[in-house]
Protein backbone atom coordinates (compact mmCIF):
# COMPACT_ATOMS: atom_id res chain seq x y z
CA MET A 1 86.49 92.96 107.36
CA PHE A 2 88.70 90.17 106.03
CA CYS A 3 92.48 90.43 106.08
CA VAL A 4 94.21 88.03 103.70
CA SER A 5 97.64 87.04 104.96
CA ILE A 6 100.35 86.33 102.37
CA LEU A 7 103.86 85.02 102.72
CA GLU A 8 106.29 84.55 99.81
CA ARG A 9 110.01 83.79 99.61
CA ASP A 10 110.56 85.90 96.49
CA PHE A 11 109.84 89.63 96.39
CA THR A 12 108.48 89.58 92.83
CA ASP A 13 106.06 86.81 93.82
CA LEU A 14 104.98 88.84 96.84
CA VAL A 15 104.20 91.88 94.68
CA GLU A 16 102.20 89.77 92.23
CA LYS A 17 100.26 88.15 95.05
CA VAL A 18 99.34 91.59 96.42
CA ARG A 19 98.23 92.66 92.94
CA SER A 20 96.09 89.54 92.49
CA LEU A 21 94.16 90.24 95.70
CA SER A 22 93.00 93.70 94.71
CA GLY A 23 89.21 93.60 94.70
CA ILE A 24 89.10 90.31 96.60
CA SER A 25 90.29 91.22 100.08
CA ASP A 26 89.46 94.14 102.38
CA LEU A 27 92.99 94.30 103.76
CA ILE A 28 96.24 92.43 103.07
CA GLU A 29 98.76 91.32 105.69
CA VAL A 30 102.14 91.36 103.96
CA ARG A 31 104.37 88.89 105.82
CA LEU A 32 107.82 90.36 105.22
CA ASP A 33 109.56 87.61 107.17
CA GLY A 34 109.13 85.26 104.23
CA LEU A 35 111.68 87.39 102.38
CA ALA A 36 114.32 87.12 105.09
CA SER A 37 117.67 85.99 103.70
CA LYS A 38 121.24 87.20 103.92
CA ASP A 39 121.10 88.75 100.44
CA PHE A 40 117.81 90.68 100.77
CA SER A 41 117.27 93.94 102.61
CA LEU A 42 113.94 95.77 102.55
CA GLU A 43 114.27 99.32 101.22
CA SER A 44 111.90 102.16 100.39
CA HIS A 45 111.43 101.14 96.75
CA HIS A 46 110.25 97.70 97.86
CA VAL A 47 107.53 99.23 100.03
CA HIS A 48 106.49 101.57 97.21
CA ALA A 49 106.20 98.62 94.81
CA LEU A 50 103.96 96.75 97.23
CA LYS A 51 101.78 99.82 97.78
CA GLU A 52 101.46 100.35 94.02
CA ALA A 53 100.45 96.73 93.55
CA GLY A 54 97.77 97.03 96.21
CA GLY A 55 96.27 100.19 94.78
CA SER A 56 93.70 101.55 97.23
CA LEU A 57 93.77 98.34 99.30
CA PRO A 58 95.30 98.96 102.75
CA LEU A 59 98.40 96.96 103.63
CA LEU A 60 99.33 95.63 107.08
CA PHE A 61 103.06 94.95 107.28
CA THR A 62 104.26 92.17 109.58
CA ASN A 63 107.81 90.91 110.11
CA ARG A 64 107.13 87.97 112.40
CA ARG A 65 109.83 86.78 114.78
CA LEU A 66 110.87 83.12 114.95
CA ALA A 67 109.45 82.55 118.43
CA GLU A 68 105.95 83.43 117.22
CA GLY A 69 105.76 81.42 114.03
CA GLY A 70 107.80 83.74 111.81
CA HIS A 71 110.82 83.21 109.59
CA PHE A 72 113.00 86.24 110.28
CA GLN A 73 116.33 84.95 111.54
CA ALA A 74 118.32 88.18 111.95
CA ASP A 75 118.39 90.17 115.20
CA ASP A 76 115.48 92.25 116.47
CA PRO A 77 116.93 95.67 115.53
CA ARG A 78 117.17 94.65 111.85
CA ARG A 79 113.72 93.03 111.97
CA ILE A 80 112.13 96.19 113.38
CA GLU A 81 114.08 98.40 110.95
CA TRP A 82 112.14 96.77 108.11
CA LEU A 83 108.91 97.89 109.78
CA HIS A 84 110.30 101.42 110.13
CA GLN A 85 110.76 101.39 106.35
CA CYS A 86 107.08 100.54 106.00
CA VAL A 87 106.05 103.30 108.39
CA GLU A 88 108.12 105.90 106.55
CA ASN A 89 107.10 104.86 103.04
CA GLY A 90 103.33 104.64 103.00
CA GLY A 91 102.35 101.57 105.02
CA ASP A 92 98.81 101.68 106.40
CA LEU A 93 99.30 99.42 109.43
CA ILE A 94 102.20 97.62 111.10
CA ASP A 95 102.25 94.63 113.46
CA VAL A 96 104.81 94.44 116.25
CA GLU A 97 104.92 91.66 118.82
CA LEU A 98 104.33 92.46 122.48
CA MET A 99 107.42 90.39 123.30
CA THR A 100 109.67 92.57 121.12
CA PRO A 101 112.23 94.41 123.30
CA GLU A 102 110.36 97.34 124.79
CA SER A 103 112.61 100.12 123.49
CA LEU A 104 112.35 98.86 119.90
CA ARG A 105 108.63 98.24 120.16
CA GLN A 106 107.73 101.59 121.64
CA ASP A 107 109.94 103.60 119.30
CA LEU A 108 108.21 101.93 116.36
CA ILE A 109 104.75 102.69 117.77
CA ILE A 110 105.70 106.34 118.36
CA GLN A 111 107.03 106.69 114.81
CA ALA A 112 103.91 105.02 113.44
CA LYS A 113 101.69 107.57 115.18
CA LYS A 114 103.77 110.43 113.79
CA HIS A 115 103.23 109.10 110.26
CA GLY A 116 99.53 108.32 110.71
CA VAL A 117 100.16 104.56 110.56
CA LYS A 118 98.02 102.27 112.76
CA SER A 119 99.85 99.85 115.04
CA VAL A 120 98.85 96.31 116.00
CA VAL A 121 100.55 94.86 119.08
CA SER A 122 100.35 91.09 118.89
CA TYR A 123 100.84 88.02 121.06
CA HIS A 124 100.87 84.44 119.75
CA ASP A 125 101.00 81.14 121.61
CA PHE A 126 101.49 78.19 119.24
CA ASN A 127 101.46 75.60 122.05
CA GLU A 128 98.41 76.23 124.20
CA THR A 129 95.86 78.67 125.58
CA PRO A 130 97.18 80.30 128.76
CA PRO A 131 94.87 80.43 131.81
CA ARG A 132 92.20 83.12 131.66
CA GLU A 133 94.00 85.20 134.29
CA LYS A 134 97.19 85.16 132.22
CA LEU A 135 95.30 86.25 129.12
CA SER A 136 93.95 89.23 131.04
CA GLU A 137 97.50 90.13 132.08
CA ILE A 138 98.65 89.95 128.45
CA LEU A 139 95.79 92.20 127.37
CA ALA A 140 96.57 94.70 130.13
CA GLU A 141 100.25 94.77 129.17
CA ALA A 142 99.38 95.33 125.52
CA LEU A 143 97.06 98.20 126.43
CA GLU A 144 100.00 99.98 128.07
CA THR A 145 101.82 100.21 124.73
CA ASP A 146 99.37 102.83 123.39
CA CYS A 147 98.79 100.80 120.23
CA ASP A 148 95.68 101.09 118.08
CA ILE A 149 94.77 97.38 117.98
CA VAL A 150 95.64 94.45 120.27
CA LYS A 151 95.92 90.98 118.75
CA ILE A 152 95.96 87.92 121.05
CA VAL A 153 96.08 84.51 119.40
CA THR A 154 96.27 81.19 121.23
CA THR A 155 96.16 77.50 120.32
CA ALA A 156 93.01 75.59 121.24
CA ARG A 157 93.41 72.11 122.73
CA ASN A 158 89.81 71.76 123.97
CA PRO A 159 86.50 73.64 123.69
CA MET A 160 87.05 75.52 126.95
CA ASP A 161 90.14 77.13 125.42
CA LEU A 162 87.88 78.77 122.85
CA LEU A 163 85.77 80.33 125.57
CA ALA A 164 88.83 81.60 127.45
CA THR A 165 90.18 83.44 124.41
CA LEU A 166 86.85 84.82 123.19
CA SER A 167 85.93 86.04 126.67
CA LEU A 168 88.62 88.70 126.27
CA TYR A 169 86.18 90.70 124.17
CA GLU A 170 84.21 91.60 127.27
CA GLU A 171 87.32 93.25 128.72
CA ALA A 172 88.04 94.95 125.41
CA ILE A 173 84.59 96.53 125.36
CA ASP A 174 85.10 97.82 128.91
CA SER A 175 88.51 99.30 128.05
CA GLY A 176 87.48 100.72 124.70
CA ILE A 177 90.34 99.03 122.85
CA LYS A 178 90.05 97.37 119.45
CA LEU A 179 90.81 93.69 119.97
CA ILE A 180 91.45 90.77 117.65
CA ALA A 181 91.39 87.53 119.65
CA PHE A 182 90.94 84.00 118.32
CA SER A 183 92.33 80.49 118.58
CA MET A 184 94.59 78.65 116.15
CA GLY A 185 94.39 75.00 115.19
CA PRO A 186 91.53 72.98 113.64
CA LEU A 187 89.38 73.39 116.74
CA GLY A 188 89.87 77.14 116.72
CA SER A 189 88.99 77.87 113.10
CA ILE A 190 85.44 78.96 113.89
CA THR A 191 86.71 81.57 116.38
CA ARG A 192 88.06 83.53 113.41
CA ILE A 193 84.43 84.11 112.43
CA PHE A 194 83.24 84.72 115.99
CA SER A 195 85.96 87.35 116.43
CA LEU A 196 84.20 89.53 113.86
CA ILE A 197 80.82 89.05 115.53
CA LEU A 198 82.31 90.03 118.89
CA GLY A 199 83.81 93.27 117.61
CA ALA A 200 87.20 92.57 116.03
CA PRO A 201 88.05 95.21 113.38
CA PHE A 202 89.13 92.39 111.06
CA THR A 203 90.02 88.72 111.02
CA TYR A 204 92.72 86.79 109.18
CA CYS A 205 92.32 84.33 106.33
CA ALA A 206 94.26 82.86 103.41
CA PRO A 207 93.85 83.51 99.67
CA LYS A 208 93.50 79.72 99.31
CA ARG A 209 93.47 76.98 101.95
CA GLU A 210 96.82 75.59 100.80
CA SER A 211 98.38 79.04 101.27
CA ALA A 212 97.50 79.36 104.97
CA THR A 213 100.12 81.15 107.06
CA ALA A 214 98.88 79.81 110.42
CA PRO A 215 97.23 76.63 111.77
CA GLY A 216 93.47 76.62 111.26
CA GLN A 217 93.44 79.57 108.89
CA MET A 218 90.59 79.29 106.38
CA ASP A 219 90.50 80.72 102.87
CA ILE A 220 88.65 83.98 102.29
CA SER A 221 85.91 82.40 100.15
CA THR A 222 85.01 79.95 102.93
CA MET A 223 85.11 82.71 105.54
CA ARG A 224 82.74 84.92 103.58
CA THR A 225 80.34 82.02 103.00
CA LEU A 226 80.28 81.07 106.69
CA LEU A 227 79.71 84.64 107.81
CA GLU A 228 76.85 85.15 105.34
CA GLU A 229 75.31 81.78 106.17
CA PHE A 230 75.33 81.94 109.94
CA PHE A 231 75.41 85.68 110.62
CA PRO A 232 73.47 87.41 107.82
CA LEU A 233 73.34 91.17 108.03
């Protein structure tokens, strides 16, 4: 399954981008942090408009914090409140960072479960790939949150970094958790494909290469072609 990630500064543009991806993507990650400004506040009617634009396409709502490549500059309570709006108004999935203050993170996950919304607990390292032992610790900590999906994303500096990140799938199989793990950067692009082969429920891509929301993110057309070429069903 391919999840197209979109980030826009203007709400109307965001709605139109969601609408344009209907029938193209399997899932859309709506990056709410692109909308962050002092004169915009996400409310229920905004979520409803995005859901209407997506039709039957499931939406994953993310409000990424600054420390993990996001653009949301207000405090964590306000950032997480936007995700509560998504949980309460028809969102299908939400992403909350593992490094979010525990009380805010866990309250959001609990509310998501009550509303039948799937939760992704994520960890991003834009500088490097931590040692294998550290990655295992991160995975174990994420498992304790009782989320539905764990996402661990690192930055590859050498080929061995790719192996360290992808080797997490062996632990995921043993624990029975759904894991999305891959590497960012040019060297890590191919791990976005391998993540699907190794059991990830979905992987992230861009509508077009110039619209990538993370280093090494490929466009959905390229991703589909690579998967069909090298891993035919």
